[in-house]
């Protein structure tokens, strides 16, 4: 049996695996660590168990979307893109409101 240590969100986990699977497990660990960093950033307010559960659910949701053929699966990149789009629309509406307020005469 092989054994490797993966790091997810700055925590080490000793993983036992089949002989010859070590590099694959290390790659999967790096993938999970990257997803955790994208999803949680530097948030320290969420405990480790909750982070791992949320990460598992997030990945299960992505997998479910992919299996269903949904090419628009929610990813951190999609969320960031949507966030930027919404921020732009909010800015536009805010500018319109400011203009409206500035053009309104007191009663």
N, C-alpha and C. Protein backbone atom coordinates (compact mmCIF):
# COMPACT_ATOMS: atom_id res chain seq x y z
N UNK A 1 0.83 -1.19 0.00
CA UNK A 1 0.00 0.00 0.00
C UNK A 1 0.88 1.25 0.00
N UNK A 2 0.46 2.23 -0.79
CA UNK A 2 1.16 3.49 -0.82
C UNK A 2 0.55 4.46 0.19
N UNK A 3 1.29 5.48 0.51
CA UNK A 3 0.78 6.51 1.40
C UNK A 3 1.35 7.85 0.97
N UNK A 4 0.47 8.86 0.93
CA UNK A 4 0.88 10.21 0.58
C UNK A 4 0.24 11.17 1.57
N UNK A 5 0.78 12.37 1.61
CA UNK A 5 0.20 13.43 2.43
C UNK A 5 -0.27 14.53 1.49
N UNK A 6 -1.55 14.82 1.55
CA UNK A 6 -2.11 15.92 0.75
C UNK A 6 -2.38 17.09 1.67
N UNK A 7 -2.41 18.27 1.09
CA UNK A 7 -2.70 19.48 1.86
C UNK A 7 -3.93 20.14 1.26
N UNK A 8 -4.94 20.33 2.10
CA UNK A 8 -6.15 21.03 1.69
C UNK A 8 -6.39 22.14 2.70
N UNK A 9 -6.43 23.37 2.21
CA UNK A 9 -6.67 24.53 3.05
C UNK A 9 -5.69 24.58 4.22
N UNK A 10 -4.41 24.39 3.89
CA UNK A 10 -3.29 24.48 4.84
C UNK A 10 -3.28 23.37 5.89
N UNK A 11 -4.08 22.33 5.70
CA UNK A 11 -4.11 21.20 6.64
C UNK A 11 -3.60 19.96 5.93
N UNK A 12 -2.80 19.17 6.63
CA UNK A 12 -2.24 17.95 6.05
C UNK A 12 -3.11 16.74 6.39
N UNK A 13 -3.25 15.86 5.39
CA UNK A 13 -4.01 14.63 5.55
C UNK A 13 -3.18 13.47 5.00
N UNK A 14 -2.96 12.47 5.84
CA UNK A 14 -2.24 11.27 5.39
C UNK A 14 -3.25 10.35 4.72
N UNK A 15 -2.98 9.99 3.48
CA UNK A 15 -3.90 9.18 2.69
C UNK A 15 -3.22 7.88 2.29
N UNK A 16 -3.86 6.77 2.55
CA UNK A 16 -3.38 5.47 2.10
C UNK A 16 -4.03 5.17 0.76
N UNK A 17 -3.25 4.65 -0.16
CA UNK A 17 -3.77 4.38 -1.50
C UNK A 17 -3.08 3.14 -2.06
N UNK A 18 -3.56 2.68 -3.19
CA UNK A 18 -2.94 1.54 -3.85
C UNK A 18 -1.57 1.90 -4.37
N UNK A 19 -0.69 0.91 -4.42
CA UNK A 19 0.63 1.14 -4.98
C UNK A 19 0.51 1.69 -6.40
N UNK A 20 1.29 2.70 -6.69
CA UNK A 20 1.27 3.31 -8.02
C UNK A 20 0.24 4.43 -8.16
N UNK A 21 -0.62 4.62 -7.16
CA UNK A 21 -1.65 5.66 -7.23
C UNK A 21 -1.24 6.96 -6.54
N UNK A 22 -0.03 6.97 -6.01
CA UNK A 22 0.41 8.12 -5.21
C UNK A 22 0.33 9.44 -5.96
N UNK A 23 0.87 9.49 -7.16
CA UNK A 23 0.89 10.74 -7.91
C UNK A 23 -0.53 11.20 -8.25
N UNK A 24 -1.39 10.26 -8.59
CA UNK A 24 -2.79 10.60 -8.90
C UNK A 24 -3.47 11.20 -7.67
N UNK A 25 -3.26 10.61 -6.50
CA UNK A 25 -3.85 11.13 -5.27
C UNK A 25 -3.30 12.52 -4.97
N UNK A 26 -2.00 12.73 -5.17
CA UNK A 26 -1.41 14.05 -4.97
C UNK A 26 -2.05 15.09 -5.90
N UNK A 27 -2.28 14.70 -7.17
CA UNK A 27 -2.92 15.61 -8.12
C UNK A 27 -4.34 15.95 -7.67
N UNK A 28 -5.07 14.94 -7.21
CA UNK A 28 -6.44 15.18 -6.72
C UNK A 28 -6.42 16.10 -5.50
N UNK A 29 -5.44 15.90 -4.63
CA UNK A 29 -5.30 16.75 -3.46
C UNK A 29 -5.04 18.20 -3.85
N UNK A 30 -4.17 18.40 -4.84
CA UNK A 30 -3.89 19.76 -5.31
C UNK A 30 -5.15 20.39 -5.91
N UNK A 31 -5.92 19.58 -6.63
CA UNK A 31 -7.18 20.06 -7.22
C UNK A 31 -8.13 20.51 -6.10
N UNK A 32 -8.29 19.68 -5.06
CA UNK A 32 -9.17 20.03 -3.95
C UNK A 32 -8.69 21.28 -3.23
N UNK A 33 -7.38 21.39 -3.05
CA UNK A 33 -6.82 22.56 -2.39
C UNK A 33 -7.12 23.82 -3.19
N UNK A 34 -6.96 23.74 -4.51
CA UNK A 34 -7.24 24.89 -5.38
C UNK A 34 -8.72 25.27 -5.29
N UNK A 35 -9.60 24.28 -5.35
CA UNK A 35 -11.05 24.55 -5.24
C UNK A 35 -11.36 25.19 -3.89
N UNK A 36 -10.75 24.69 -2.83
CA UNK A 36 -10.99 25.25 -1.50
C UNK A 36 -10.55 26.71 -1.44
N UNK A 37 -9.39 27.02 -2.03
CA UNK A 37 -8.91 28.40 -2.03
C UNK A 37 -9.84 29.30 -2.84
N UNK A 38 -10.32 28.80 -3.97
CA UNK A 38 -11.24 29.59 -4.80
C UNK A 38 -12.56 29.82 -4.06
N UNK A 39 -13.04 28.79 -3.42
CA UNK A 39 -14.36 28.83 -2.80
C UNK A 39 -14.36 29.60 -1.49
N UNK A 40 -13.34 29.41 -0.66
CA UNK A 40 -13.33 29.99 0.67
C UNK A 40 -12.38 31.17 0.83
N UNK A 41 -11.44 31.33 -0.08
CA UNK A 41 -10.46 32.40 0.06
C UNK A 41 -9.67 32.22 1.34
N UNK A 42 -9.55 33.27 2.10
CA UNK A 42 -8.83 33.21 3.37
C UNK A 42 -9.78 33.17 4.56
N UNK A 43 -11.01 32.76 4.33
CA UNK A 43 -12.01 32.73 5.40
C UNK A 43 -11.60 31.77 6.50
N UNK A 44 -11.49 32.31 7.71
CA UNK A 44 -11.16 31.46 8.84
C UNK A 44 -12.35 31.31 9.78
N UNK A 45 -13.48 31.90 9.40
CA UNK A 45 -14.65 31.87 10.27
C UNK A 45 -15.44 30.56 10.15
N UNK A 46 -15.12 29.74 9.16
CA UNK A 46 -15.83 28.47 8.96
C UNK A 46 -14.92 27.35 9.45
N UNK A 47 -15.47 26.46 10.30
CA UNK A 47 -14.63 25.39 10.82
C UNK A 47 -14.29 24.37 9.73
N UNK A 48 -13.24 23.60 9.99
CA UNK A 48 -12.69 22.67 9.01
C UNK A 48 -13.71 21.66 8.51
N UNK A 49 -14.47 21.06 9.41
CA UNK A 49 -15.46 20.07 9.00
C UNK A 49 -16.51 20.67 8.07
N UNK A 50 -16.95 21.88 8.40
CA UNK A 50 -17.96 22.55 7.56
C UNK A 50 -17.37 22.88 6.20
N UNK A 51 -16.11 23.35 6.16
CA UNK A 51 -15.47 23.65 4.88
C UNK A 51 -15.41 22.40 4.00
N UNK A 52 -14.99 21.28 4.59
CA UNK A 52 -14.88 20.05 3.80
C UNK A 52 -16.25 19.58 3.32
N UNK A 53 -17.27 19.70 4.18
CA UNK A 53 -18.63 19.32 3.76
C UNK A 53 -19.12 20.22 2.63
N UNK A 54 -18.91 21.54 2.77
CA UNK A 54 -19.35 22.47 1.73
C UNK A 54 -18.59 22.24 0.43
N UNK A 55 -17.29 21.97 0.54
CA UNK A 55 -16.49 21.70 -0.66
C UNK A 55 -16.99 20.44 -1.35
N UNK A 56 -17.28 19.40 -0.56
CA UNK A 56 -17.83 18.17 -1.13
C UNK A 56 -19.15 18.40 -1.83
N UNK A 57 -20.02 19.18 -1.22
CA UNK A 57 -21.31 19.48 -1.85
C UNK A 57 -21.13 20.29 -3.12
N UNK A 58 -20.23 21.26 -3.09
CA UNK A 58 -19.95 22.08 -4.26
C UNK A 58 -19.47 21.21 -5.42
N UNK A 59 -18.53 20.31 -5.13
CA UNK A 59 -17.99 19.44 -6.18
C UNK A 59 -19.04 18.44 -6.66
N UNK A 60 -19.87 17.93 -5.73
CA UNK A 60 -20.94 17.01 -6.12
C UNK A 60 -21.94 17.72 -7.03
N UNK A 61 -22.23 18.98 -6.73
CA UNK A 61 -23.15 19.76 -7.56
C UNK A 61 -22.57 19.97 -8.95
N UNK A 62 -21.27 20.30 -9.02
CA UNK A 62 -20.61 20.46 -10.33
C UNK A 62 -20.68 19.17 -11.12
N UNK A 63 -20.39 18.06 -10.47
CA UNK A 63 -20.42 16.75 -11.13
C UNK A 63 -21.82 16.42 -11.62
N UNK A 64 -22.81 16.70 -10.78
CA UNK A 64 -24.20 16.45 -11.16
C UNK A 64 -24.58 17.27 -12.39
N UNK A 65 -24.18 18.54 -12.41
CA UNK A 65 -24.46 19.39 -13.57
C UNK A 65 -23.78 18.86 -14.82
N UNK A 66 -22.53 18.42 -14.67
CA UNK A 66 -21.80 17.89 -15.83
C UNK A 66 -22.45 16.61 -16.35
N UNK A 67 -22.88 15.74 -15.44
CA UNK A 67 -23.53 14.50 -15.85
C UNK A 67 -24.85 14.78 -16.56
N UNK A 68 -25.52 15.85 -16.15
CA UNK A 68 -26.79 16.22 -16.77
C UNK A 68 -26.58 16.97 -18.08
N UNK A 69 -25.32 17.23 -18.43
CA UNK A 69 -25.02 17.93 -19.68
C UNK A 69 -25.14 19.43 -19.58
N UNK A 70 -25.22 19.96 -18.37
CA UNK A 70 -25.30 21.39 -18.18
C UNK A 70 -23.90 21.98 -18.29
N UNK A 71 -23.62 22.62 -19.40
CA UNK A 71 -22.30 23.19 -19.61
C UNK A 71 -22.10 24.50 -18.87
N UNK A 72 -23.18 25.02 -18.29
CA UNK A 72 -23.08 26.26 -17.52
C UNK A 72 -23.03 25.96 -16.03
N UNK A 73 -22.38 24.88 -15.66
CA UNK A 73 -22.28 24.50 -14.26
C UNK A 73 -21.69 25.66 -13.46
N UNK A 74 -22.16 25.81 -12.23
CA UNK A 74 -21.68 26.89 -11.38
C UNK A 74 -20.25 26.58 -10.95
N UNK A 75 -19.38 27.52 -11.22
CA UNK A 75 -17.98 27.42 -10.81
C UNK A 75 -17.60 28.74 -10.17
N UNK A 76 -16.52 28.77 -9.41
CA UNK A 76 -16.10 30.06 -8.85
C UNK A 76 -15.88 31.11 -9.93
N UNK A 77 -15.39 30.69 -11.11
CA UNK A 77 -15.18 31.65 -12.19
C UNK A 77 -16.51 32.22 -12.68
N UNK A 78 -17.53 31.34 -12.83
CA UNK A 78 -18.86 31.82 -13.25
C UNK A 78 -19.43 32.78 -12.22
N UNK A 79 -19.26 32.44 -10.95
CA UNK A 79 -19.78 33.30 -9.89
C UNK A 79 -19.09 34.65 -9.93
N UNK A 80 -17.78 34.67 -10.13
CA UNK A 80 -17.05 35.94 -10.21
C UNK A 80 -17.52 36.76 -11.40
N UNK A 81 -17.75 36.11 -12.52
CA UNK A 81 -18.22 36.80 -13.71
C UNK A 81 -19.61 37.41 -13.47
N UNK A 82 -20.51 36.60 -12.89
CA UNK A 82 -21.85 37.10 -12.59
C UNK A 82 -21.79 38.24 -11.57
N UNK A 83 -20.91 38.10 -10.60
CA UNK A 83 -20.74 39.13 -9.58
C UNK A 83 -20.31 40.45 -10.22
N UNK A 84 -19.36 40.37 -11.16
CA UNK A 84 -18.90 41.58 -11.86
C UNK A 84 -20.02 42.20 -12.68
N UNK A 85 -20.81 41.37 -13.35
CA UNK A 85 -21.93 41.87 -14.15
C UNK A 85 -22.95 42.58 -13.25
N UNK A 86 -23.27 41.94 -12.12
CA UNK A 86 -24.23 42.55 -11.20
C UNK A 86 -23.70 43.85 -10.62
N UNK A 87 -22.42 43.87 -10.29
CA UNK A 87 -21.82 45.09 -9.74
C UNK A 87 -21.94 46.22 -10.76
N UNK A 88 -21.71 45.92 -12.03
CA UNK A 88 -21.85 46.93 -13.08
C UNK A 88 -23.26 47.45 -13.18
N UNK A 89 -24.25 46.56 -13.10
CA UNK A 89 -25.65 46.98 -13.18
C UNK A 89 -26.04 47.81 -11.96
N UNK A 90 -25.54 47.42 -10.80
CA UNK A 90 -25.82 48.19 -9.58
C UNK A 90 -25.23 49.59 -9.71
N UNK A 91 -24.01 49.68 -10.23
CA UNK A 91 -23.39 51.00 -10.44
C UNK A 91 -24.22 51.86 -11.39
N UNK A 92 -24.71 51.25 -12.47
CA UNK A 92 -25.52 52.00 -13.43
C UNK A 92 -26.78 52.54 -12.76
N UNK A 93 -27.46 51.69 -12.00
CA UNK A 93 -28.68 52.11 -11.32
C UNK A 93 -28.40 53.18 -10.27
N UNK A 94 -27.28 53.05 -9.58
CA UNK A 94 -26.90 54.03 -8.57
C UNK A 94 -26.66 55.39 -9.23
N UNK A 95 -25.97 55.39 -10.36
CA UNK A 95 -25.72 56.65 -11.08
C UNK A 95 -27.03 57.28 -11.53
N UNK A 96 -27.98 56.46 -12.00
CA UNK A 96 -29.28 56.99 -12.41
C UNK A 96 -30.02 57.60 -11.23
N UNK A 97 -29.96 56.94 -10.06
CA UNK A 97 -30.62 57.47 -8.87
C UNK A 97 -29.98 58.78 -8.42
N UNK A 98 -28.66 58.85 -8.42
CA UNK A 98 -27.96 60.07 -8.03
C UNK A 98 -28.35 61.20 -8.97
N UNK A 99 -28.41 60.93 -10.26
CA UNK A 99 -28.79 61.94 -11.24
C UNK A 99 -30.22 62.41 -10.99
N UNK A 100 -31.10 61.44 -10.70
CA UNK A 100 -32.50 61.77 -10.42
C UNK A 100 -32.62 62.63 -9.17
N UNK A 101 -31.89 62.27 -8.12
CA UNK A 101 -31.92 63.02 -6.87
C UNK A 101 -31.39 64.43 -7.07
N UNK A 102 -30.31 64.56 -7.83
CA UNK A 102 -29.71 65.87 -8.08
C UNK A 102 -30.60 66.77 -8.90
N UNK A 103 -31.45 66.17 -9.73
CA UNK A 103 -32.35 66.95 -10.58
C UNK A 103 -33.70 67.21 -9.92
N UNK A 104 -33.92 66.68 -8.74
CA UNK A 104 -35.20 66.88 -8.04
C UNK A 104 -35.12 68.15 -7.21
N UNK A 105 -36.15 68.97 -7.34
CA UNK A 105 -36.20 70.23 -6.58
C UNK A 105 -36.94 69.98 -5.27
N UNK A 106 -36.44 70.58 -4.17
CA UNK A 106 -37.16 70.43 -2.89
C UNK A 106 -38.54 71.04 -2.97
N UNK A 107 -39.45 70.52 -2.15
CA UNK A 107 -40.84 71.02 -2.14
C UNK A 107 -40.95 72.22 -1.25
